[in-house]
Protein backbone atom coordinates (compact mmCIF):
# COMPACT_ATOMS: atom_id res chain seq x y z
CA MET A 1 -73.31 -120.21 -124.72
CA PHE A 2 -70.19 -121.18 -122.76
CA LEU A 3 -69.67 -124.27 -120.64
CA ILE A 4 -66.93 -124.26 -117.98
CA THR A 5 -65.41 -127.45 -116.62
CA GLY A 6 -63.98 -126.98 -113.14
CA SER A 7 -66.22 -123.95 -112.58
CA ASN A 8 -66.03 -124.31 -108.78
CA GLY A 9 -62.22 -124.29 -108.68
CA PHE A 10 -59.75 -121.50 -108.05
CA VAL A 11 -59.62 -120.33 -111.67
CA GLY A 12 -63.16 -121.40 -112.48
CA ARG A 13 -64.79 -119.11 -109.93
CA SER A 14 -62.98 -116.11 -111.37
CA VAL A 15 -63.90 -117.12 -114.93
CA VAL A 16 -67.59 -117.46 -114.03
CA ARG A 17 -67.57 -114.04 -112.35
CA ALA A 18 -65.81 -112.37 -115.30
CA PHE A 19 -68.19 -113.88 -117.86
CA GLU A 20 -71.20 -112.80 -115.79
CA ILE A 21 -69.85 -109.23 -115.65
CA ALA A 22 -69.35 -109.34 -119.43
CA ASP A 23 -72.99 -110.53 -119.75
CA LEU A 24 -71.90 -113.77 -121.44
CA PRO A 25 -74.15 -116.79 -120.75
CA THR A 26 -72.28 -119.56 -118.95
CA VAL A 27 -73.02 -122.88 -117.33
CA GLY A 28 -70.78 -125.13 -115.27
CA LEU A 29 -70.36 -128.81 -116.05
CA THR A 30 -72.03 -130.90 -113.36
CA GLY A 31 -70.75 -134.31 -112.40
CA ARG A 32 -67.53 -135.92 -113.50
CA LEU A 33 -65.89 -136.25 -116.89
CA ASN A 34 -66.27 -140.03 -116.94
CA ASP A 35 -69.51 -140.45 -118.93
CA VAL A 36 -69.47 -139.38 -122.57
CA ASP A 37 -73.26 -139.55 -122.95
CA GLU A 38 -73.85 -137.41 -119.87
CA ILE A 39 -71.26 -134.87 -120.99
CA ALA A 40 -72.83 -134.74 -124.46
CA GLN A 41 -76.23 -133.95 -122.94
CA GLN A 42 -74.74 -131.00 -121.07
CA LEU A 43 -72.94 -129.79 -124.20
CA GLU A 44 -76.15 -129.44 -126.21
CA GLY A 45 -76.39 -125.83 -127.39
CA ILE A 46 -72.85 -125.00 -126.21
CA ASP A 47 -70.59 -123.08 -128.59
CA THR A 48 -67.38 -122.88 -126.51
CA VAL A 49 -65.98 -124.99 -123.68
CA ILE A 50 -63.55 -123.44 -121.17
CA HIS A 51 -61.70 -126.55 -119.97
CA LEU A 52 -60.31 -126.05 -116.46
CA ALA A 53 -61.16 -129.31 -114.70
CA SER A 54 -58.14 -131.08 -113.23
CA GLY A 55 -57.14 -133.55 -110.56
CA ILE A 56 -53.86 -131.77 -109.83
CA LYS A 57 -54.90 -130.60 -106.36
CA TYR A 58 -55.07 -134.21 -105.09
CA GLY A 59 -51.40 -134.77 -105.87
CA ARG A 60 -51.86 -138.29 -107.26
CA GLU A 61 -51.25 -139.61 -110.75
CA ARG A 62 -54.44 -141.66 -110.77
CA ASN A 63 -56.46 -138.45 -110.43
CA LEU A 64 -54.49 -136.94 -113.31
CA ASN A 65 -55.23 -140.00 -115.43
CA GLN A 66 -58.94 -140.05 -114.56
CA THR A 67 -59.81 -136.35 -114.64
CA ASP A 68 -57.23 -134.74 -116.88
CA ILE A 69 -56.37 -137.35 -119.50
CA ASP A 70 -59.42 -139.67 -119.63
CA GLY A 71 -61.75 -136.78 -118.82
CA THR A 72 -60.45 -134.69 -121.70
CA ARG A 73 -60.72 -137.64 -124.06
CA ASN A 74 -64.39 -138.01 -123.06
CA LEU A 75 -64.97 -134.28 -123.40
CA ILE A 76 -63.55 -134.28 -126.94
CA GLU A 77 -65.75 -137.21 -127.99
CA ALA A 78 -68.86 -135.61 -126.47
CA GLY A 79 -68.03 -132.27 -128.09
CA ARG A 80 -67.57 -133.95 -131.45
CA ARG A 81 -70.96 -135.62 -131.20
CA VAL A 82 -72.92 -132.42 -130.53
CA GLY A 83 -70.84 -130.03 -132.65
CA VAL A 84 -69.01 -127.86 -130.12
CA ASN A 85 -67.22 -125.11 -132.05
CA HIS A 86 -64.30 -124.27 -129.75
CA ILE A 87 -62.38 -125.53 -126.71
CA VAL A 88 -60.16 -123.24 -124.63
CA PHE A 89 -57.71 -125.31 -122.59
CA ILE A 90 -55.51 -124.01 -119.78
CA SER A 91 -52.20 -125.83 -119.90
CA GLN A 92 -48.90 -125.13 -118.17
CA ILE A 93 -45.56 -123.68 -119.20
CA GLY A 94 -43.28 -126.64 -119.91
CA ALA A 95 -46.09 -129.02 -120.96
CA ASP A 96 -44.53 -131.98 -122.76
CA SER A 97 -45.94 -135.48 -123.27
CA LYS A 98 -42.43 -136.88 -122.73
CA SER A 99 -41.74 -134.98 -119.50
CA LEU A 100 -40.55 -136.84 -116.40
CA PHE A 101 -42.92 -134.73 -114.29
CA PRO A 102 -46.49 -136.16 -114.14
CA VAL A 103 -48.38 -132.87 -114.52
CA MET A 104 -46.21 -131.61 -117.38
CA ARG A 105 -46.58 -134.97 -119.08
CA ALA A 106 -50.36 -135.02 -118.63
CA LYS A 107 -50.73 -131.46 -119.92
CA GLY A 108 -48.60 -132.31 -122.94
CA MET A 109 -50.69 -135.39 -123.69
CA ILE A 110 -53.89 -133.36 -123.46
CA GLU A 111 -52.50 -130.70 -125.80
CA GLU A 112 -51.73 -133.40 -128.35
CA MET A 113 -55.21 -134.93 -128.02
CA LEU A 114 -56.86 -131.56 -128.55
CA GLN A 115 -54.68 -130.71 -131.53
CA ARG A 116 -55.56 -134.05 -133.15
CA SER A 117 -59.28 -133.57 -132.55
CA GLU A 118 -61.80 -132.15 -135.00
CA ILE A 119 -62.70 -129.31 -132.61
CA PRO A 120 -60.83 -126.00 -133.00
CA THR A 121 -58.81 -125.43 -129.84
CA THR A 122 -57.01 -122.55 -128.18
CA ILE A 123 -54.30 -123.57 -125.70
CA ILE A 124 -53.00 -121.19 -123.03
CA ARG A 125 -49.81 -122.34 -121.33
CA SER A 126 -49.94 -120.55 -118.01
CA ALA A 127 -47.30 -119.78 -115.43
CA ILE A 128 -48.04 -120.62 -111.80
CA LEU A 129 -51.02 -118.59 -110.59
CA TYR A 130 -51.67 -116.56 -107.48
CA GLY A 131 -54.77 -114.92 -106.04
CA ARG A 132 -57.16 -115.26 -103.11
CA ASP A 133 -57.58 -118.93 -102.11
CA ASP A 134 -54.76 -120.02 -104.45
CA ARG A 135 -52.74 -123.18 -103.99
CA PHE A 136 -49.42 -121.36 -104.30
CA LEU A 137 -48.84 -118.42 -101.97
CA THR A 138 -51.59 -119.42 -99.56
CA PRO A 139 -49.99 -122.74 -98.47
CA ILE A 140 -46.53 -121.12 -98.38
CA THR A 141 -47.88 -118.50 -95.97
CA SER A 142 -49.84 -120.99 -93.89
CA LEU A 143 -46.83 -123.27 -93.44
CA ALA A 144 -44.71 -120.29 -92.45
CA PHE A 145 -47.04 -119.64 -89.50
CA TRP A 146 -46.19 -123.04 -88.05
CA ASN A 147 -42.55 -123.49 -89.12
CA TRP A 148 -41.06 -121.19 -86.51
CA PRO A 149 -38.28 -120.08 -86.60
CA PHE A 150 -37.49 -121.35 -90.11
CA VAL A 151 -39.12 -121.49 -93.53
CA TRP A 152 -37.89 -124.24 -95.78
CA LEU A 153 -36.44 -123.44 -99.20
CA PRO A 154 -36.74 -126.62 -101.30
CA GLY A 155 -33.66 -127.09 -103.45
CA GLY A 156 -32.13 -123.95 -101.97
CA GLY A 157 -34.89 -121.69 -103.30
CA ARG A 158 -33.06 -120.74 -106.49
CA ASN A 159 -35.67 -121.85 -109.02
CA VAL A 160 -37.01 -118.97 -111.14
CA LEU A 161 -40.72 -118.30 -111.57
CA GLN A 162 -42.89 -115.76 -113.40
CA PRO A 163 -46.13 -115.90 -111.41
CA LEU A 164 -49.32 -114.59 -112.98
CA TRP A 165 -52.31 -113.07 -111.20
CA VAL A 166 -55.36 -115.25 -111.79
CA GLU A 167 -57.47 -112.29 -112.93
CA ASP A 168 -54.95 -111.57 -115.69
CA LEU A 169 -55.31 -115.15 -116.92
CA VAL A 170 -59.09 -114.76 -116.82
CA ARG A 171 -58.79 -111.60 -118.92
CA ILE A 172 -56.90 -113.64 -121.53
CA ILE A 173 -59.48 -116.44 -121.42
CA LEU A 174 -62.22 -113.90 -122.01
CA GLU A 175 -60.30 -112.46 -124.95
CA VAL A 176 -59.66 -115.76 -126.76
CA SER A 177 -63.21 -117.01 -126.18
CA ASP A 178 -64.75 -114.61 -128.71
CA THR A 179 -67.40 -116.70 -130.46
CA LEU A 180 -66.78 -114.88 -133.76
CA ASP A 181 -63.00 -115.41 -133.47
CA LEU A 182 -62.38 -112.03 -135.07
CA LYS A 183 -58.69 -112.11 -134.11
CA GLY A 184 -58.03 -115.69 -135.17
CA TYR A 185 -57.24 -117.18 -131.76
CA ARG A 186 -58.57 -120.64 -132.60
CA GLY A 187 -55.96 -123.25 -133.40
CA GLN A 188 -53.20 -121.33 -131.62
CA ILE A 189 -51.04 -121.90 -128.54
CA PHE A 190 -50.32 -118.92 -126.28
CA THR A 191 -48.12 -118.45 -123.23
CA ALA A 192 -49.20 -116.41 -120.21
CA ALA A 193 -46.87 -115.26 -117.42
CA GLY A 194 -46.19 -112.22 -115.29
CA GLU A 195 -43.63 -109.55 -116.08
CA GLU A 196 -41.48 -110.27 -113.03
CA ARG A 197 -38.93 -113.06 -112.75
CA ILE A 198 -38.40 -114.00 -109.16
CA HIS A 199 -36.35 -116.69 -107.43
CA TYR A 200 -38.28 -118.81 -104.98
CA ASP A 201 -36.29 -117.52 -102.01
CA GLU A 202 -37.10 -113.93 -103.02
CA LEU A 203 -40.73 -114.90 -103.34
CA VAL A 204 -40.76 -116.36 -99.82
CA ARG A 205 -39.22 -113.14 -98.48
CA LEU A 206 -42.02 -111.17 -100.14
CA VAL A 207 -44.63 -113.51 -98.64
CA LEU A 208 -43.13 -113.15 -95.15
CA GLU A 209 -42.98 -109.37 -95.44
CA THR A 210 -46.56 -109.15 -96.68
CA SER A 211 -47.93 -111.43 -93.97
CA ASN A 212 -45.83 -109.76 -91.23
CA LEU A 213 -43.99 -112.96 -90.31
CA ASN A 214 -40.41 -113.04 -89.05
CA ARG A 215 -38.76 -116.27 -90.14
CA ARG A 216 -35.29 -117.40 -91.19
CA LEU A 217 -34.87 -119.02 -94.58
CA LEU A 218 -33.51 -122.56 -94.44
CA PRO A 219 -32.26 -124.14 -97.70
CA ILE A 220 -33.06 -127.84 -97.69
CA ASN A 221 -32.46 -130.71 -100.09
CA MET A 222 -35.45 -131.36 -102.35
CA THR A 223 -35.33 -135.09 -101.59
CA TRP A 224 -35.92 -134.43 -97.89
CA VAL A 225 -38.74 -132.00 -98.67
CA ARG A 226 -40.45 -134.62 -100.82
CA LEU A 227 -40.11 -137.24 -98.06
CA ALA A 228 -41.54 -134.82 -95.49
CA THR A 229 -44.41 -133.89 -97.83
CA ARG A 230 -45.34 -137.55 -98.23
CA ALA A 231 -45.15 -138.14 -94.48
CA PHE A 232 -47.15 -135.10 -93.36
CA PHE A 233 -49.62 -134.66 -96.20
CA GLY A 234 -49.55 -137.79 -98.40
CA TRP A 235 -52.42 -139.40 -96.50
CA ARG A 236 -54.72 -136.42 -97.03
CA ARG A 237 -57.29 -136.66 -99.82
CA ASN A 238 -56.84 -132.97 -100.67
CA PRO A 239 -53.40 -132.00 -99.29
CA PRO A 240 -52.33 -128.35 -99.02
CA ILE A 241 -48.88 -129.20 -100.43
CA THR A 242 -48.29 -131.95 -102.99
CA LEU A 243 -45.37 -133.48 -104.84
CA PHE A 244 -46.78 -131.85 -107.98
CA PHE A 245 -46.25 -128.45 -106.36
CA LEU A 246 -42.64 -129.37 -105.57
CA ASP A 247 -42.14 -130.49 -109.18
CA ARG A 248 -42.79 -126.90 -110.27
CA LEU A 249 -39.87 -125.81 -108.09
CA ASN A 250 -37.57 -128.29 -109.81
CA GLN A 251 -37.35 -126.52 -113.17
CA PRO A 252 -37.39 -122.89 -114.31
CA GLU A 253 -40.83 -121.69 -115.38
CA ILE A 254 -40.04 -118.62 -117.44
CA THR A 255 -40.78 -117.04 -120.79
CA ASP A 256 -40.41 -113.59 -122.40
CA LEU A 257 -41.09 -110.91 -119.81
CA ASP A 258 -43.50 -109.05 -122.09
CA ILE A 259 -45.20 -112.14 -123.53
CA VAL A 260 -48.70 -111.09 -122.45
CA ASN A 261 -48.32 -107.59 -123.84
CA GLN A 262 -46.95 -109.02 -127.10
CA GLN A 263 -49.95 -111.31 -127.55
CA PHE A 264 -52.82 -109.49 -125.88
CA GLY A 265 -51.81 -105.85 -125.53
CA PHE A 266 -51.80 -105.38 -121.75
CA HIS A 267 -49.33 -105.60 -118.88
CA PRO A 268 -49.98 -108.13 -116.09
CA THR A 269 -50.40 -106.86 -112.56
CA ARG A 270 -47.37 -106.67 -110.26
CA MET A 271 -47.38 -109.23 -107.46
CA VAL A 272 -46.89 -106.70 -104.70
CA ASP A 273 -50.14 -105.00 -105.71
CA GLN A 274 -52.33 -108.11 -105.43
CA ILE A 275 -51.17 -110.21 -102.47
CA SER A 276 -52.75 -108.38 -99.54
CA TYR A 277 -55.00 -111.44 -99.16
CA LEU A 278 -52.05 -113.08 -97.39
CA ARG A 279 -52.84 -110.91 -94.35
CA ARG A 280 -56.40 -112.11 -93.86
CA PRO A 281 -57.36 -113.79 -90.58
CA GLY A 282 -57.46 -117.55 -90.37
CA LEU A 283 -54.87 -118.23 -93.06
CA ALA A 284 -52.77 -120.25 -90.64
CA ARG A 285 -55.49 -122.91 -90.54
CA TYR A 286 -55.14 -123.66 -94.26
CA VAL A 287 -52.72 -126.55 -93.67
CA PHE A 288 -55.32 -128.21 -91.43
CA GLY A 289 -57.91 -128.28 -94.19
CA ASN A 290 -59.82 -125.08 -93.44
CA LEU A 291 -59.44 -123.88 -97.04
CA ALA A 292 -57.97 -126.92 -98.76
CA GLY A 293 -61.33 -128.31 -99.73
CA ARG A 294 -62.24 -125.31 -101.84
């Protein structure tokens, strides 16, 4: 039996669907990760935990501390009590407990906690993800609808990314979650990224072309973008764009181009083949909260 934290989130919904198709019994964690006893009750009979829950979408460090760091600490203690056999944790490329960036630092701290725990853990350091209802290409597209005639390029748009389709990440999660661990995935750290390196400005051009929008690209200083993000979205409980998102544009997020094929024997999907969702009606309303609560 598998338990999924964050089963209602962007990645979680795809994981639940994939496990159902594979006829693997799953259950989502209900409630928050703030009560060890309650978590332990839900972990009874669970072999593997797919740990996806995160407070990143709120864009505030207190949510990272409560959900990601404290929540994982509680999950580990509850799992230890009931004898969970395996935790699969989705981290981020660049995770480092000493990072200046809050999300990278939190992910690094969680990795260290899991590695020190008694529970065998598989860590997947993922590149930024895209897919229907994502928090990456969707807000970029939605903002472009309203930012006529320009689209901002934070920091000049020269940061390099290797985006990964969410369904490719889910395929990897399914692979490493084998309860028999026939391939020895437990106790290992893997990296998952697409096979295309793309500068942010090139990515925005692809988004505009796909969504049939005609906009000019406007390089803008990252400091001003961060100030504008705070002013326009900082008051929102679940903002469409956060400072955490901008942090990912402040440092290269790259790895070997064939890293997924090296580790798991398949080639990730090309972006151009999986972003038609950017044409769907109503996407412009995302920045007003139409989709941001999902």
